[in-house]
Amino acid sequence: TFTIVTSEMLPVGLLTSIAATLGVSDGTAGLMMSAPGLVAAVSAPVL
């Protein structure tokens, strides 16, 4: 559970650097946080 949650929250402290490297805005890079949460909400009951 530690590994899972750390992986989920990983972009929090790295978002600006990732956005600069991959050439996207900070707002677009924020999808790295929202997408896993929404996918997790669906995948839990489906699995």
ModelCIF file with pLDDT and N, C-alpha, C, O atoms, coordinates in Angstrom:
data_MODEL
#
_entry.id   MODEL 
#
_entity.id                         1 
_entity.type                       polymer 
_entity.pdbx_number_of_molecules   1 
#
_entity_poly.entity_id                      1 
_entity_poly.type                           'polypeptide(L)' 
_entity_poly.nstd_linkage                   no 
_entity_poly.nstd_monomer                   no 
_entity_poly.pdbx_seq_one_letter_code       TFTIVTSEMLPVGLLTSIAATLGVSDGTAGLMMSAPGLVAAVSAPVL 
_entity_poly.pdbx_seq_one_letter_code_can   TFTIVTSEMLPVGLLTSIAATLGVSDGTAGLMMSAPGLVAAVSAPVL 
_entity_poly.pdbx_strand_id                 A 
#
loop_
_entity_poly_seq.entity_id 
_entity_poly_seq.num 
_entity_poly_seq.mon_id 
_entity_poly_seq.hetero 
1 1  THR n 
1 2  PHE n 
1 3  THR n 
1 4  ILE n 
1 5  VAL n 
1 6  THR n 
1 7  SER n 
1 8  GLU n 
1 9  MET n 
1 10 LEU n 
1 11 PRO n 
1 12 VAL n 
1 13 GLY n 
1 14 LEU n 
1 15 LEU n 
1 16 THR n 
1 17 SER n 
1 18 ILE n 
1 19 ALA n 
1 20 ALA n 
1 21 THR n 
1 22 LEU n 
1 23 GLY n 
1 24 VAL n 
1 25 SER n 
1 26 ASP n 
1 27 GLY n 
1 28 THR n 
1 29 ALA n 
1 30 GLY n 
1 31 LEU n 
1 32 MET n 
1 33 MET n 
1 34 SER n 
1 35 ALA n 
1 36 PRO n 
1 37 GLY n 
1 38 LEU n 
1 39 VAL n 
1 40 ALA n 
1 41 ALA n 
1 42 VAL n 
1 43 SER n 
1 44 ALA n 
1 45 PRO n 
1 46 VAL n 
1 47 LEU n 
#
_struct_asym.id          A 
_struct_asym.entity_id   1 
#
loop_
_ma_qa_metric.id 
_ma_qa_metric.mode 
_ma_qa_metric.name 
_ma_qa_metric.software_group_id 
_ma_qa_metric.type 
1 global pLDDT . pLDDT 
2 local  pLDDT . pLDDT 
#
_ma_qa_metric_global.metric_id      1 
_ma_qa_metric_global.metric_value   78.79 
_ma_qa_metric_global.model_id       1 
_ma_qa_metric_global.ordinal_id     1 
#
loop_
_ma_qa_metric_local.label_asym_id 
_ma_qa_metric_local.label_comp_id 
_ma_qa_metric_local.label_seq_id 
_ma_qa_metric_local.metric_id 
_ma_qa_metric_local.metric_value 
_ma_qa_metric_local.model_id 
_ma_qa_metric_local.ordinal_id 
A THR 1  2 86.00 1 1  
A PHE 2  2 88.00 1 2  
A THR 3  2 89.00 1 3  
A ILE 4  2 88.00 1 4  
A VAL 5  2 84.00 1 5  
A THR 6  2 85.00 1 6  
A SER 7  2 86.00 1 7  
A GLU 8  2 81.00 1 8  
A MET 9  2 77.00 1 9  
A LEU 10 2 79.00 1 10 
A PRO 11 2 76.00 1 11 
A VAL 12 2 65.00 1 12 
A GLY 13 2 63.00 1 13 
A LEU 14 2 73.00 1 14 
A LEU 15 2 67.00 1 15 
A THR 16 2 70.00 1 16 
A SER 17 2 79.00 1 17 
A ILE 18 2 83.00 1 18 
A ALA 19 2 81.00 1 19 
A ALA 20 2 83.00 1 20 
A THR 21 2 87.00 1 21 
A LEU 22 2 85.00 1 22 
A GLY 23 2 84.00 1 23 
A VAL 24 2 80.00 1 24 
A SER 25 2 73.00 1 25 
A ASP 26 2 62.00 1 26 
A GLY 27 2 62.00 1 27 
A THR 28 2 72.00 1 28 
A ALA 29 2 73.00 1 29 
A GLY 30 2 68.00 1 30 
A LEU 31 2 75.00 1 31 
A MET 32 2 79.00 1 32 
A MET 33 2 72.00 1 33 
A SER 34 2 73.00 1 34 
A ALA 35 2 80.00 1 35 
A PRO 36 2 82.00 1 36 
A GLY 37 2 78.00 1 37 
A LEU 38 2 82.00 1 38 
A VAL 39 2 86.00 1 39 
A ALA 40 2 84.00 1 40 
A ALA 41 2 81.00 1 41 
A VAL 42 2 85.00 1 42 
A SER 43 2 84.00 1 43 
A ALA 44 2 81.00 1 44 
A PRO 45 2 82.00 1 45 
A VAL 46 2 86.00 1 46 
A LEU 47 2 84.00 1 47 
#
loop_
_atom_site.group_PDB 
_atom_site.id 
_atom_site.type_symbol 
_atom_site.label_atom_id 
_atom_site.label_alt_id 
_atom_site.label_comp_id 
_atom_site.label_asym_id 
_atom_site.label_entity_id 
_atom_site.label_seq_id 
_atom_site.pdbx_PDB_ins_code 
_atom_site.Cartn_x 
_atom_site.Cartn_y 
_atom_site.Cartn_z 
_atom_site.occupancy 
_atom_site.B_iso_or_equiv 
_atom_site.pdbx_formal_charge 
_atom_site.auth_seq_id 
_atom_site.auth_comp_id 
_atom_site.auth_asym_id 
_atom_site.auth_atom_id 
_atom_site.pdbx_PDB_model_num 
ATOM 1   N N  . THR A 1 1  ? 0.833   -1.207 0.000   1.00 86.00 ? 1  THR A N  1 
ATOM 2   C CA . THR A 1 1  ? 0.000   0.000  0.000   1.00 86.00 ? 1  THR A CA 1 
ATOM 3   C C  . THR A 1 1  ? 0.869   1.259  0.000   1.00 86.00 ? 1  THR A C  1 
ATOM 4   O O  . THR A 1 1  ? 0.516   2.265  -0.615  1.00 86.00 ? 1  THR A O  1 
ATOM 5   N N  . PHE A 1 2  ? 2.000   1.194  0.691   1.00 88.00 ? 2  PHE A N  1 
ATOM 6   C CA . PHE A 1 2  ? 2.940   2.321  0.659   1.00 88.00 ? 2  PHE A CA 1 
ATOM 7   C C  . PHE A 1 2  ? 3.423   2.571  -0.769  1.00 88.00 ? 2  PHE A C  1 
ATOM 8   O O  . PHE A 1 2  ? 3.459   3.714  -1.224  1.00 88.00 ? 2  PHE A O  1 
ATOM 9   N N  . THR A 1 3  ? 3.791   1.513  -1.464  1.00 89.00 ? 3  THR A N  1 
ATOM 10  C CA . THR A 1 3  ? 4.311   1.637  -2.825  1.00 89.00 ? 3  THR A CA 1 
ATOM 11  C C  . THR A 1 3  ? 3.240   2.142  -3.779  1.00 89.00 ? 3  THR A C  1 
ATOM 12  O O  . THR A 1 3  ? 3.514   2.968  -4.649  1.00 89.00 ? 3  THR A O  1 
ATOM 13  N N  . ILE A 1 4  ? 2.023   1.644  -3.613  1.00 88.00 ? 4  ILE A N  1 
ATOM 14  C CA . ILE A 1 4  ? 0.911   2.051  -4.466  1.00 88.00 ? 4  ILE A CA 1 
ATOM 15  C C  . ILE A 1 4  ? 0.629   3.551  -4.307  1.00 88.00 ? 4  ILE A C  1 
ATOM 16  O O  . ILE A 1 4  ? 0.526   4.279  -5.294  1.00 88.00 ? 4  ILE A O  1 
ATOM 17  N N  . VAL A 1 5  ? 0.506   3.997  -3.062  1.00 84.00 ? 5  VAL A N  1 
ATOM 18  C CA . VAL A 1 5  ? 0.140   5.403  -2.820  1.00 84.00 ? 5  VAL A CA 1 
ATOM 19  C C  . VAL A 1 5  ? 1.285   6.338  -3.196  1.00 84.00 ? 5  VAL A C  1 
ATOM 20  O O  . VAL A 1 5  ? 1.047   7.414  -3.744  1.00 84.00 ? 5  VAL A O  1 
ATOM 21  N N  . THR A 1 6  ? 2.527   5.942  -2.908  1.00 85.00 ? 6  THR A N  1 
ATOM 22  C CA . THR A 1 6  ? 3.662   6.774  -3.311  1.00 85.00 ? 6  THR A CA 1 
ATOM 23  C C  . THR A 1 6  ? 3.704   6.914  -4.829  1.00 85.00 ? 6  THR A C  1 
ATOM 24  O O  . THR A 1 6  ? 3.978   7.996  -5.346  1.00 85.00 ? 6  THR A O  1 
ATOM 25  N N  . SER A 1 7  ? 3.434   5.829  -5.540  1.00 86.00 ? 7  SER A N  1 
ATOM 26  C CA . SER A 1 7  ? 3.406   5.886  -7.005  1.00 86.00 ? 7  SER A CA 1 
ATOM 27  C C  . SER A 1 7  ? 2.285   6.807  -7.496  1.00 86.00 ? 7  SER A C  1 
ATOM 28  O O  . SER A 1 7  ? 2.465   7.563  -8.451  1.00 86.00 ? 7  SER A O  1 
ATOM 29  N N  . GLU A 1 8  ? 1.132   6.733  -6.834  1.00 81.00 ? 8  GLU A N  1 
ATOM 30  C CA . GLU A 1 8  ? 0.008   7.586  -7.236  1.00 81.00 ? 8  GLU A CA 1 
ATOM 31  C C  . GLU A 1 8  ? 0.361   9.068  -7.063  1.00 81.00 ? 8  GLU A C  1 
ATOM 32  O O  . GLU A 1 8  ? 0.051   9.891  -7.924  1.00 81.00 ? 8  GLU A O  1 
ATOM 33  N N  . MET A 1 9  ? 1.009   9.395  -5.944  1.00 77.00 ? 9  MET A N  1 
ATOM 34  C CA . MET A 1 9  ? 1.292   10.796 -5.614  1.00 77.00 ? 9  MET A CA 1 
ATOM 35  C C  . MET A 1 9  ? 2.623   11.283 -6.171  1.00 77.00 ? 9  MET A C  1 
ATOM 36  O O  . MET A 1 9  ? 3.000   12.433 -5.945  1.00 77.00 ? 9  MET A O  1 
ATOM 37  N N  . LEU A 1 10 ? 3.333   10.437 -6.888  1.00 79.00 ? 10 LEU A N  1 
ATOM 38  C CA . LEU A 1 10 ? 4.682   10.765 -7.354  1.00 79.00 ? 10 LEU A CA 1 
ATOM 39  C C  . LEU A 1 10 ? 4.775   12.096 -8.101  1.00 79.00 ? 10 LEU A C  1 
ATOM 40  O O  . LEU A 1 10 ? 5.721   12.846 -7.859  1.00 79.00 ? 10 LEU A O  1 
ATOM 41  N N  . PRO A 1 11 ? 3.836   12.426 -9.001  1.00 76.00 ? 11 PRO A N  1 
ATOM 42  C CA . PRO A 1 11 ? 3.986   13.680 -9.753  1.00 76.00 ? 11 PRO A CA 1 
ATOM 43  C C  . PRO A 1 11 ? 3.826   14.943 -8.920  1.00 76.00 ? 11 PRO A C  1 
ATOM 44  O O  . PRO A 1 11 ? 4.146   16.030 -9.401  1.00 76.00 ? 11 PRO A O  1 
ATOM 45  N N  . VAL A 1 12 ? 3.337   14.836 -7.676  1.00 65.00 ? 12 VAL A N  1 
ATOM 46  C CA . VAL A 1 12 ? 3.063   16.039 -6.889  1.00 65.00 ? 12 VAL A CA 1 
ATOM 47  C C  . VAL A 1 12 ? 4.294   16.928 -6.785  1.00 65.00 ? 12 VAL A C  1 
ATOM 48  O O  . VAL A 1 12 ? 4.214   18.130 -7.036  1.00 65.00 ? 12 VAL A O  1 
ATOM 49  N N  . GLY A 1 13 ? 5.426   16.348 -6.417  1.00 63.00 ? 13 GLY A N  1 
ATOM 50  C CA . GLY A 1 13 ? 6.640   17.146 -6.276  1.00 63.00 ? 13 GLY A CA 1 
ATOM 51  C C  . GLY A 1 13 ? 7.467   17.245 -7.543  1.00 63.00 ? 13 GLY A C  1 
ATOM 52  O O  . GLY A 1 13 ? 8.506   17.904 -7.554  1.00 63.00 ? 13 GLY A O  1 
ATOM 53  N N  . LEU A 1 14 ? 7.011   16.587 -8.631  1.00 73.00 ? 14 LEU A N  1 
ATOM 54  C CA . LEU A 1 14 ? 7.811   16.539 -9.865  1.00 73.00 ? 14 LEU A CA 1 
ATOM 55  C C  . LEU A 1 14 ? 7.112   17.200 -11.039 1.00 73.00 ? 14 LEU A C  1 
ATOM 56  O O  . LEU A 1 14 ? 7.646   17.228 -12.148 1.00 73.00 ? 14 LEU A O  1 
ATOM 57  N N  . LEU A 1 15 ? 5.911   17.737 -10.798 1.00 67.00 ? 15 LEU A N  1 
ATOM 58  C CA . LEU A 1 15 ? 5.046   18.146 -11.898 1.00 67.00 ? 15 LEU A CA 1 
ATOM 59  C C  . LEU A 1 15 ? 5.692   19.188 -12.803 1.00 67.00 ? 15 LEU A C  1 
ATOM 60  O O  . LEU A 1 15 ? 5.642   19.050 -14.026 1.00 67.00 ? 15 LEU A O  1 
ATOM 61  N N  . THR A 1 16 ? 6.296   20.222 -12.235 1.00 70.00 ? 16 THR A N  1 
ATOM 62  C CA . THR A 1 16 ? 6.890   21.280 -13.040 1.00 70.00 ? 16 THR A CA 1 
ATOM 63  C C  . THR A 1 16 ? 8.020   20.746 -13.922 1.00 70.00 ? 16 THR A C  1 
ATOM 64  O O  . THR A 1 16 ? 8.123   21.105 -15.095 1.00 70.00 ? 16 THR A O  1 
ATOM 65  N N  . SER A 1 17 ? 8.859   19.894 -13.354 1.00 79.00 ? 17 SER A N  1 
ATOM 66  C CA . SER A 1 17 ? 9.976   19.330 -14.121 1.00 79.00 ? 17 SER A CA 1 
ATOM 67  C C  . SER A 1 17 ? 9.483   18.436 -15.248 1.00 79.00 ? 17 SER A C  1 
ATOM 68  O O  . SER A 1 17 ? 10.003  18.486 -16.363 1.00 79.00 ? 17 SER A O  1 
ATOM 69  N N  . ILE A 1 18 ? 8.476   17.617 -14.951 1.00 83.00 ? 18 ILE A N  1 
ATOM 70  C CA . ILE A 1 18 ? 7.936   16.728 -15.990 1.00 83.00 ? 18 ILE A CA 1 
ATOM 71  C C  . ILE A 1 18 ? 7.319   17.546 -17.112 1.00 83.00 ? 18 ILE A C  1 
ATOM 72  O O  . ILE A 1 18 ? 7.529   17.253 -18.289 1.00 83.00 ? 18 ILE A O  1 
ATOM 73  N N  . ALA A 1 19 ? 6.552   18.578 -16.745 1.00 81.00 ? 19 ALA A N  1 
ATOM 74  C CA . ALA A 1 19 ? 5.909   19.417 -17.752 1.00 81.00 ? 19 ALA A CA 1 
ATOM 75  C C  . ALA A 1 19 ? 6.942   20.066 -18.669 1.00 81.00 ? 19 ALA A C  1 
ATOM 76  O O  . ALA A 1 19 ? 6.752   20.120 -19.884 1.00 81.00 ? 19 ALA A O  1 
ATOM 77  N N  . ALA A 1 20 ? 8.034   20.557 -18.088 1.00 83.00 ? 20 ALA A N  1 
ATOM 78  C CA . ALA A 1 20 ? 9.070   21.203 -18.896 1.00 83.00 ? 20 ALA A CA 1 
ATOM 79  C C  . ALA A 1 20 ? 9.752   20.210 -19.830 1.00 83.00 ? 20 ALA A C  1 
ATOM 80  O O  . ALA A 1 20 ? 10.022  20.525 -20.989 1.00 83.00 ? 20 ALA A O  1 
ATOM 81  N N  . THR A 1 21 ? 10.027  19.016 -19.325 1.00 87.00 ? 21 THR A N  1 
ATOM 82  C CA . THR A 1 21 ? 10.714  18.007 -20.142 1.00 87.00 ? 21 THR A CA 1 
ATOM 83  C C  . THR A 1 21 ? 9.845   17.516 -21.292 1.00 87.00 ? 21 THR A C  1 
ATOM 84  O O  . THR A 1 21 ? 10.332  17.345 -22.410 1.00 87.00 ? 21 THR A O  1 
ATOM 85  N N  . LEU A 1 22 ? 8.567   17.290 -21.027 1.00 85.00 ? 22 LEU A N  1 
ATOM 86  C CA . LEU A 1 22 ? 7.672   16.714 -22.031 1.00 85.00 ? 22 LEU A CA 1 
ATOM 87  C C  . LEU A 1 22 ? 6.938   17.775 -22.844 1.00 85.00 ? 22 LEU A C  1 
ATOM 88  O O  . LEU A 1 22 ? 6.152   17.438 -23.730 1.00 85.00 ? 22 LEU A O  1 
ATOM 89  N N  . GLY A 1 23 ? 7.182   19.039 -22.558 1.00 84.00 ? 23 GLY A N  1 
ATOM 90  C CA . GLY A 1 23 ? 6.651   20.112 -23.384 1.00 84.00 ? 23 GLY A CA 1 
ATOM 91  C C  . GLY A 1 23 ? 5.165   20.355 -23.253 1.00 84.00 ? 23 GLY A C  1 
ATOM 92  O O  . GLY A 1 23 ? 4.495   20.598 -24.257 1.00 84.00 ? 23 GLY A O  1 
ATOM 93  N N  . VAL A 1 24 ? 4.624   20.298 -22.036 1.00 80.00 ? 24 VAL A N  1 
ATOM 94  C CA . VAL A 1 24 ? 3.209   20.581 -21.818 1.00 80.00 ? 24 VAL A CA 1 
ATOM 95  C C  . VAL A 1 24 ? 3.088   21.613 -20.702 1.00 80.00 ? 24 VAL A C  1 
ATOM 96  O O  . VAL A 1 24 ? 4.043   21.873 -19.970 1.00 80.00 ? 24 VAL A O  1 
ATOM 97  N N  . SER A 1 25 ? 1.899   22.194 -20.586 1.00 73.00 ? 25 SER A N  1 
ATOM 98  C CA . SER A 1 25 ? 1.661   23.165 -19.522 1.00 73.00 ? 25 SER A CA 1 
ATOM 99  C C  . SER A 1 25 ? 1.508   22.457 -18.184 1.00 73.00 ? 25 SER A C  1 
ATOM 100 O O  . SER A 1 25 ? 1.283   21.248 -18.130 1.00 73.00 ? 25 SER A O  1 
ATOM 101 N N  . ASP A 1 26 ? 1.633   23.224 -17.103 1.00 62.00 ? 26 ASP A N  1 
ATOM 102 C CA . ASP A 1 26 ? 1.458   22.641 -15.777 1.00 62.00 ? 26 ASP A CA 1 
ATOM 103 C C  . ASP A 1 26 ? 0.041   22.108 -15.600 1.00 62.00 ? 26 ASP A C  1 
ATOM 104 O O  . ASP A 1 26 ? -0.164  21.070 -14.971 1.00 62.00 ? 26 ASP A O  1 
ATOM 105 N N  . GLY A 1 27 ? -0.941  22.826 -16.161 1.00 62.00 ? 27 GLY A N  1 
ATOM 106 C CA . GLY A 1 27 ? -2.323  22.369 -16.051 1.00 62.00 ? 27 GLY A CA 1 
ATOM 107 C C  . GLY A 1 27 ? -2.539  21.041 -16.756 1.00 62.00 ? 27 GLY A C  1 
ATOM 108 O O  . GLY A 1 27 ? -3.218  20.157 -16.232 1.00 62.00 ? 27 GLY A O  1 
ATOM 109 N N  . THR A 1 28 ? -1.964  20.898 -17.941 1.00 72.00 ? 28 THR A N  1 
ATOM 110 C CA . THR A 1 28 ? -2.080  19.628 -18.671 1.00 72.00 ? 28 THR A CA 1 
ATOM 111 C C  . THR A 1 28 ? -1.339  18.519 -17.938 1.00 72.00 ? 28 THR A C  1 
ATOM 112 O O  . THR A 1 28 ? -1.813  17.385 -17.882 1.00 72.00 ? 28 THR A O  1 
ATOM 113 N N  . ALA A 1 29 ? -0.197  18.837 -17.387 1.00 73.00 ? 29 ALA A N  1 
ATOM 114 C CA . ALA A 1 29 ? 0.570   17.847 -16.633 1.00 73.00 ? 29 ALA A CA 1 
ATOM 115 C C  . ALA A 1 29 ? -0.200  17.370 -15.408 1.00 73.00 ? 29 ALA A C  1 
ATOM 116 O O  . ALA A 1 29 ? 0.022   16.258 -14.931 1.00 73.00 ? 29 ALA A O  1 
ATOM 117 N N  . GLY A 1 30 ? -1.100  18.202 -14.898 1.00 68.00 ? 30 GLY A N  1 
ATOM 118 C CA . GLY A 1 30 ? -1.904  17.814 -13.749 1.00 68.00 ? 30 GLY A CA 1 
ATOM 119 C C  . GLY A 1 30 ? -2.783  16.601 -13.993 1.00 68.00 ? 30 GLY A C  1 
ATOM 120 O O  . GLY A 1 30 ? -3.239  15.962 -13.045 1.00 68.00 ? 30 GLY A O  1 
ATOM 121 N N  . LEU A 1 31 ? -3.025  16.281 -15.259 1.00 75.00 ? 31 LEU A N  1 
ATOM 122 C CA . LEU A 1 31 ? -3.794  15.068 -15.574 1.00 75.00 ? 31 LEU A CA 1 
ATOM 123 C C  . LEU A 1 31 ? -3.080  13.814 -15.089 1.00 75.00 ? 31 LEU A C  1 
ATOM 124 O O  . LEU A 1 31 ? -3.716  12.772 -14.925 1.00 75.00 ? 31 LEU A O  1 
ATOM 125 N N  . MET A 1 32 ? -1.777  13.891 -14.856 1.00 79.00 ? 32 MET A N  1 
ATOM 126 C CA . MET A 1 32 ? -1.051  12.742 -14.319 1.00 79.00 ? 32 MET A CA 1 
ATOM 127 C C  . MET A 1 32 ? -1.538  12.365 -12.919 1.00 79.00 ? 32 MET A C  1 
ATOM 128 O O  . MET A 1 32 ? -1.347  11.234 -12.473 1.00 79.00 ? 32 MET A O  1 
ATOM 129 N N  . MET A 1 33 ? -2.168  13.319 -12.231 1.00 72.00 ? 33 MET A N  1 
ATOM 130 C CA . MET A 1 33 ? -2.731  13.047 -10.911 1.00 72.00 ? 33 MET A CA 1 
ATOM 131 C C  . MET A 1 33 ? -4.194  12.647 -10.985 1.00 72.00 ? 33 MET A C  1 
ATOM 132 O O  . MET A 1 33 ? -4.615  11.701 -10.319 1.00 72.00 ? 33 MET A O  1 
ATOM 133 N N  . SER A 1 34 ? -4.971  13.360 -11.791 1.00 73.00 ? 34 SER A N  1 
ATOM 134 C CA . SER A 1 34 ? -6.414  13.089 -11.830 1.00 73.00 ? 34 SER A CA 1 
ATOM 135 C C  . SER A 1 34 ? -6.740  11.795 -12.563 1.00 73.00 ? 34 SER A C  1 
ATOM 136 O O  . SER A 1 34 ? -7.668  11.087 -12.172 1.00 73.00 ? 34 SER A O  1 
ATOM 137 N N  . ALA A 1 35 ? -5.993  11.471 -13.622 1.00 80.00 ? 35 ALA A N  1 
ATOM 138 C CA . ALA A 1 35 ? -6.300  10.265 -14.401 1.00 80.00 ? 35 ALA A CA 1 
ATOM 139 C C  . ALA A 1 35 ? -6.186  8.982  -13.577 1.00 80.00 ? 35 ALA A C  1 
ATOM 140 O O  . ALA A 1 35 ? -7.113  8.172  -13.607 1.00 80.00 ? 35 ALA A O  1 
ATOM 141 N N  . PRO A 1 36 ? -5.084  8.759  -12.838 1.00 82.00 ? 36 PRO A N  1 
ATOM 142 C CA . PRO A 1 36 ? -5.015  7.523  -12.049 1.00 82.00 ? 36 PRO A CA 1 
ATOM 143 C C  . PRO A 1 36 ? -6.142  7.391  -11.023 1.00 82.00 ? 36 PRO A C  1 
ATOM 144 O O  . PRO A 1 36 ? -6.655  6.293  -10.805 1.00 82.00 ? 36 PRO A O  1 
ATOM 145 N N  . GLY A 1 37 ? -6.533  8.508  -10.390 1.00 78.00 ? 37 GLY A N  1 
ATOM 146 C CA . GLY A 1 37 ? -7.594  8.445  -9.396  1.00 78.00 ? 37 GLY A CA 1 
ATOM 147 C C  . GLY A 1 37 ? -8.913  8.024  -9.999  1.00 78.00 ? 37 GLY A C  1 
ATOM 148 O O  . GLY A 1 37 ? -9.619  7.189  -9.433  1.00 78.00 ? 37 GLY A O  1 
ATOM 149 N N  . LEU A 1 38 ? -9.258  8.597  -11.152 1.00 82.00 ? 38 LEU A N  1 
ATOM 150 C CA . LEU A 1 38 ? -10.521 8.240  -11.805 1.00 82.00 ? 38 LEU A CA 1 
ATOM 151 C C  . LEU A 1 38 ? -10.484 6.813  -12.330 1.00 82.00 ? 38 LEU A C  1 
ATOM 152 O O  . LEU A 1 38 ? -11.475 6.088  -12.237 1.00 82.00 ? 38 LEU A O  1 
ATOM 153 N N  . VAL A 1 39 ? -9.342  6.406  -12.885 1.00 86.00 ? 39 VAL A N  1 
ATOM 154 C CA . VAL A 1 39 ? -9.213  5.025  -13.367 1.00 86.00 ? 39 VAL A CA 1 
ATOM 155 C C  . VAL A 1 39 ? -9.316  4.044  -12.199 1.00 86.00 ? 39 VAL A C  1 
ATOM 156 O O  . VAL A 1 39 ? -9.952  2.997  -12.316 1.00 86.00 ? 39 VAL A O  1 
ATOM 157 N N  . ALA A 1 40 ? -8.689  4.386  -11.079 1.00 84.00 ? 40 ALA A N  1 
ATOM 158 C CA . ALA A 1 40 ? -8.747  3.522  -9.894  1.00 84.00 ? 40 ALA A CA 1 
ATOM 159 C C  . ALA A 1 40 ? -10.177 3.361  -9.402  1.00 84.00 ? 40 ALA A C  1 
ATOM 160 O O  . ALA A 1 40 ? -10.564 2.276  -8.968  1.00 84.00 ? 40 ALA A O  1 
ATOM 161 N N  . ALA A 1 41 ? -10.969 4.437  -9.464  1.00 81.00 ? 41 ALA A N  1 
ATOM 162 C CA . ALA A 1 41 ? -12.362 4.371  -9.014  1.00 81.00 ? 41 ALA A CA 1 
ATOM 163 C C  . ALA A 1 41 ? -13.172 3.381  -9.839  1.00 81.00 ? 41 ALA A C  1 
ATOM 164 O O  . ALA A 1 41 ? -14.079 2.730  -9.320  1.00 81.00 ? 41 ALA A O  1 
ATOM 165 N N  . VAL A 1 42 ? -12.844 3.266  -11.131 1.00 85.00 ? 42 VAL A N  1 
ATOM 166 C CA . VAL A 1 42 ? -13.557 2.328  -12.006 1.00 85.00 ? 42 VAL A CA 1 
ATOM 167 C C  . VAL A 1 42 ? -12.971 0.923  -11.906 1.00 85.00 ? 42 VAL A C  1 
ATOM 168 O O  . VAL A 1 42 ? -13.707 -0.063 -11.860 1.00 85.00 ? 42 VAL A O  1 
ATOM 169 N N  . SER A 1 43 ? -11.651 0.839  -11.872 1.00 84.00 ? 43 SER A N  1 
ATOM 170 C CA . SER A 1 43 ? -11.006 -0.478 -11.909 1.00 84.00 ? 43 SER A CA 1 
ATOM 171 C C  . SER A 1 43 ? -11.256 -1.292 -10.647 1.00 84.00 ? 43 SER A C  1 
ATOM 172 O O  . SER A 1 43 ? -11.285 -2.521 -10.712 1.00 84.00 ? 43 SER A O  1 
ATOM 173 N N  . ALA A 1 44 ? -11.437 -0.643 -9.501  1.00 81.00 ? 44 ALA A N  1 
ATOM 174 C CA . ALA A 1 44 ? -11.630 -1.389 -8.257  1.00 81.00 ? 44 ALA A CA 1 
ATOM 175 C C  . ALA A 1 44 ? -12.850 -2.317 -8.322  1.00 81.00 ? 44 ALA A C  1 
ATOM 176 O O  . ALA A 1 44 ? -12.689 -3.521 -8.122  1.00 81.00 ? 44 ALA A O  1 
ATOM 177 N N  . PRO A 1 45 ? -14.063 -1.813 -8.591  1.00 82.00 ? 45 PRO A N  1 
ATOM 178 C CA . PRO A 1 45 ? -15.207 -2.733 -8.675  1.00 82.00 ? 45 PRO A CA 1 
ATOM 179 C C  . PRO A 1 45 ? -15.149 -3.659 -9.885  1.00 82.00 ? 45 PRO A C  1 
ATOM 180 O O  . PRO A 1 45 ? -15.599 -4.803 -9.812  1.00 82.00 ? 45 PRO A O  1 
ATOM 181 N N  . VAL A 1 46 ? -14.595 -3.171 -11.003 1.00 86.00 ? 46 VAL A N  1 
ATOM 182 C CA . VAL A 1 46 ? -14.523 -4.027 -12.195 1.00 86.00 ? 46 VAL A CA 1 
ATOM 183 C C  . VAL A 1 46 ? -13.623 -5.236 -11.933 1.00 86.00 ? 46 VAL A C  1 
ATOM 184 O O  . VAL A 1 46 ? -13.985 -6.362 -12.276 1.00 86.00 ? 46 VAL A O  1 
ATOM 185 N N  . LEU A 1 47 ? -12.463 -5.012 -11.331 1.00 84.00 ? 47 LEU A N  1 
ATOM 186 C CA . LEU A 1 47 ? -11.555 -6.120 -11.029 1.00 84.00 ? 47 LEU A CA 1 
ATOM 187 C C  . LEU A 1 47 ? -12.128 -7.034 -9.956  1.00 84.00 ? 47 LEU A C  1 
ATOM 188 O O  . LEU A 1 47 ? -11.493 -8.019 -9.581  1.00 84.00 ? 47 LEU A O  1 
#
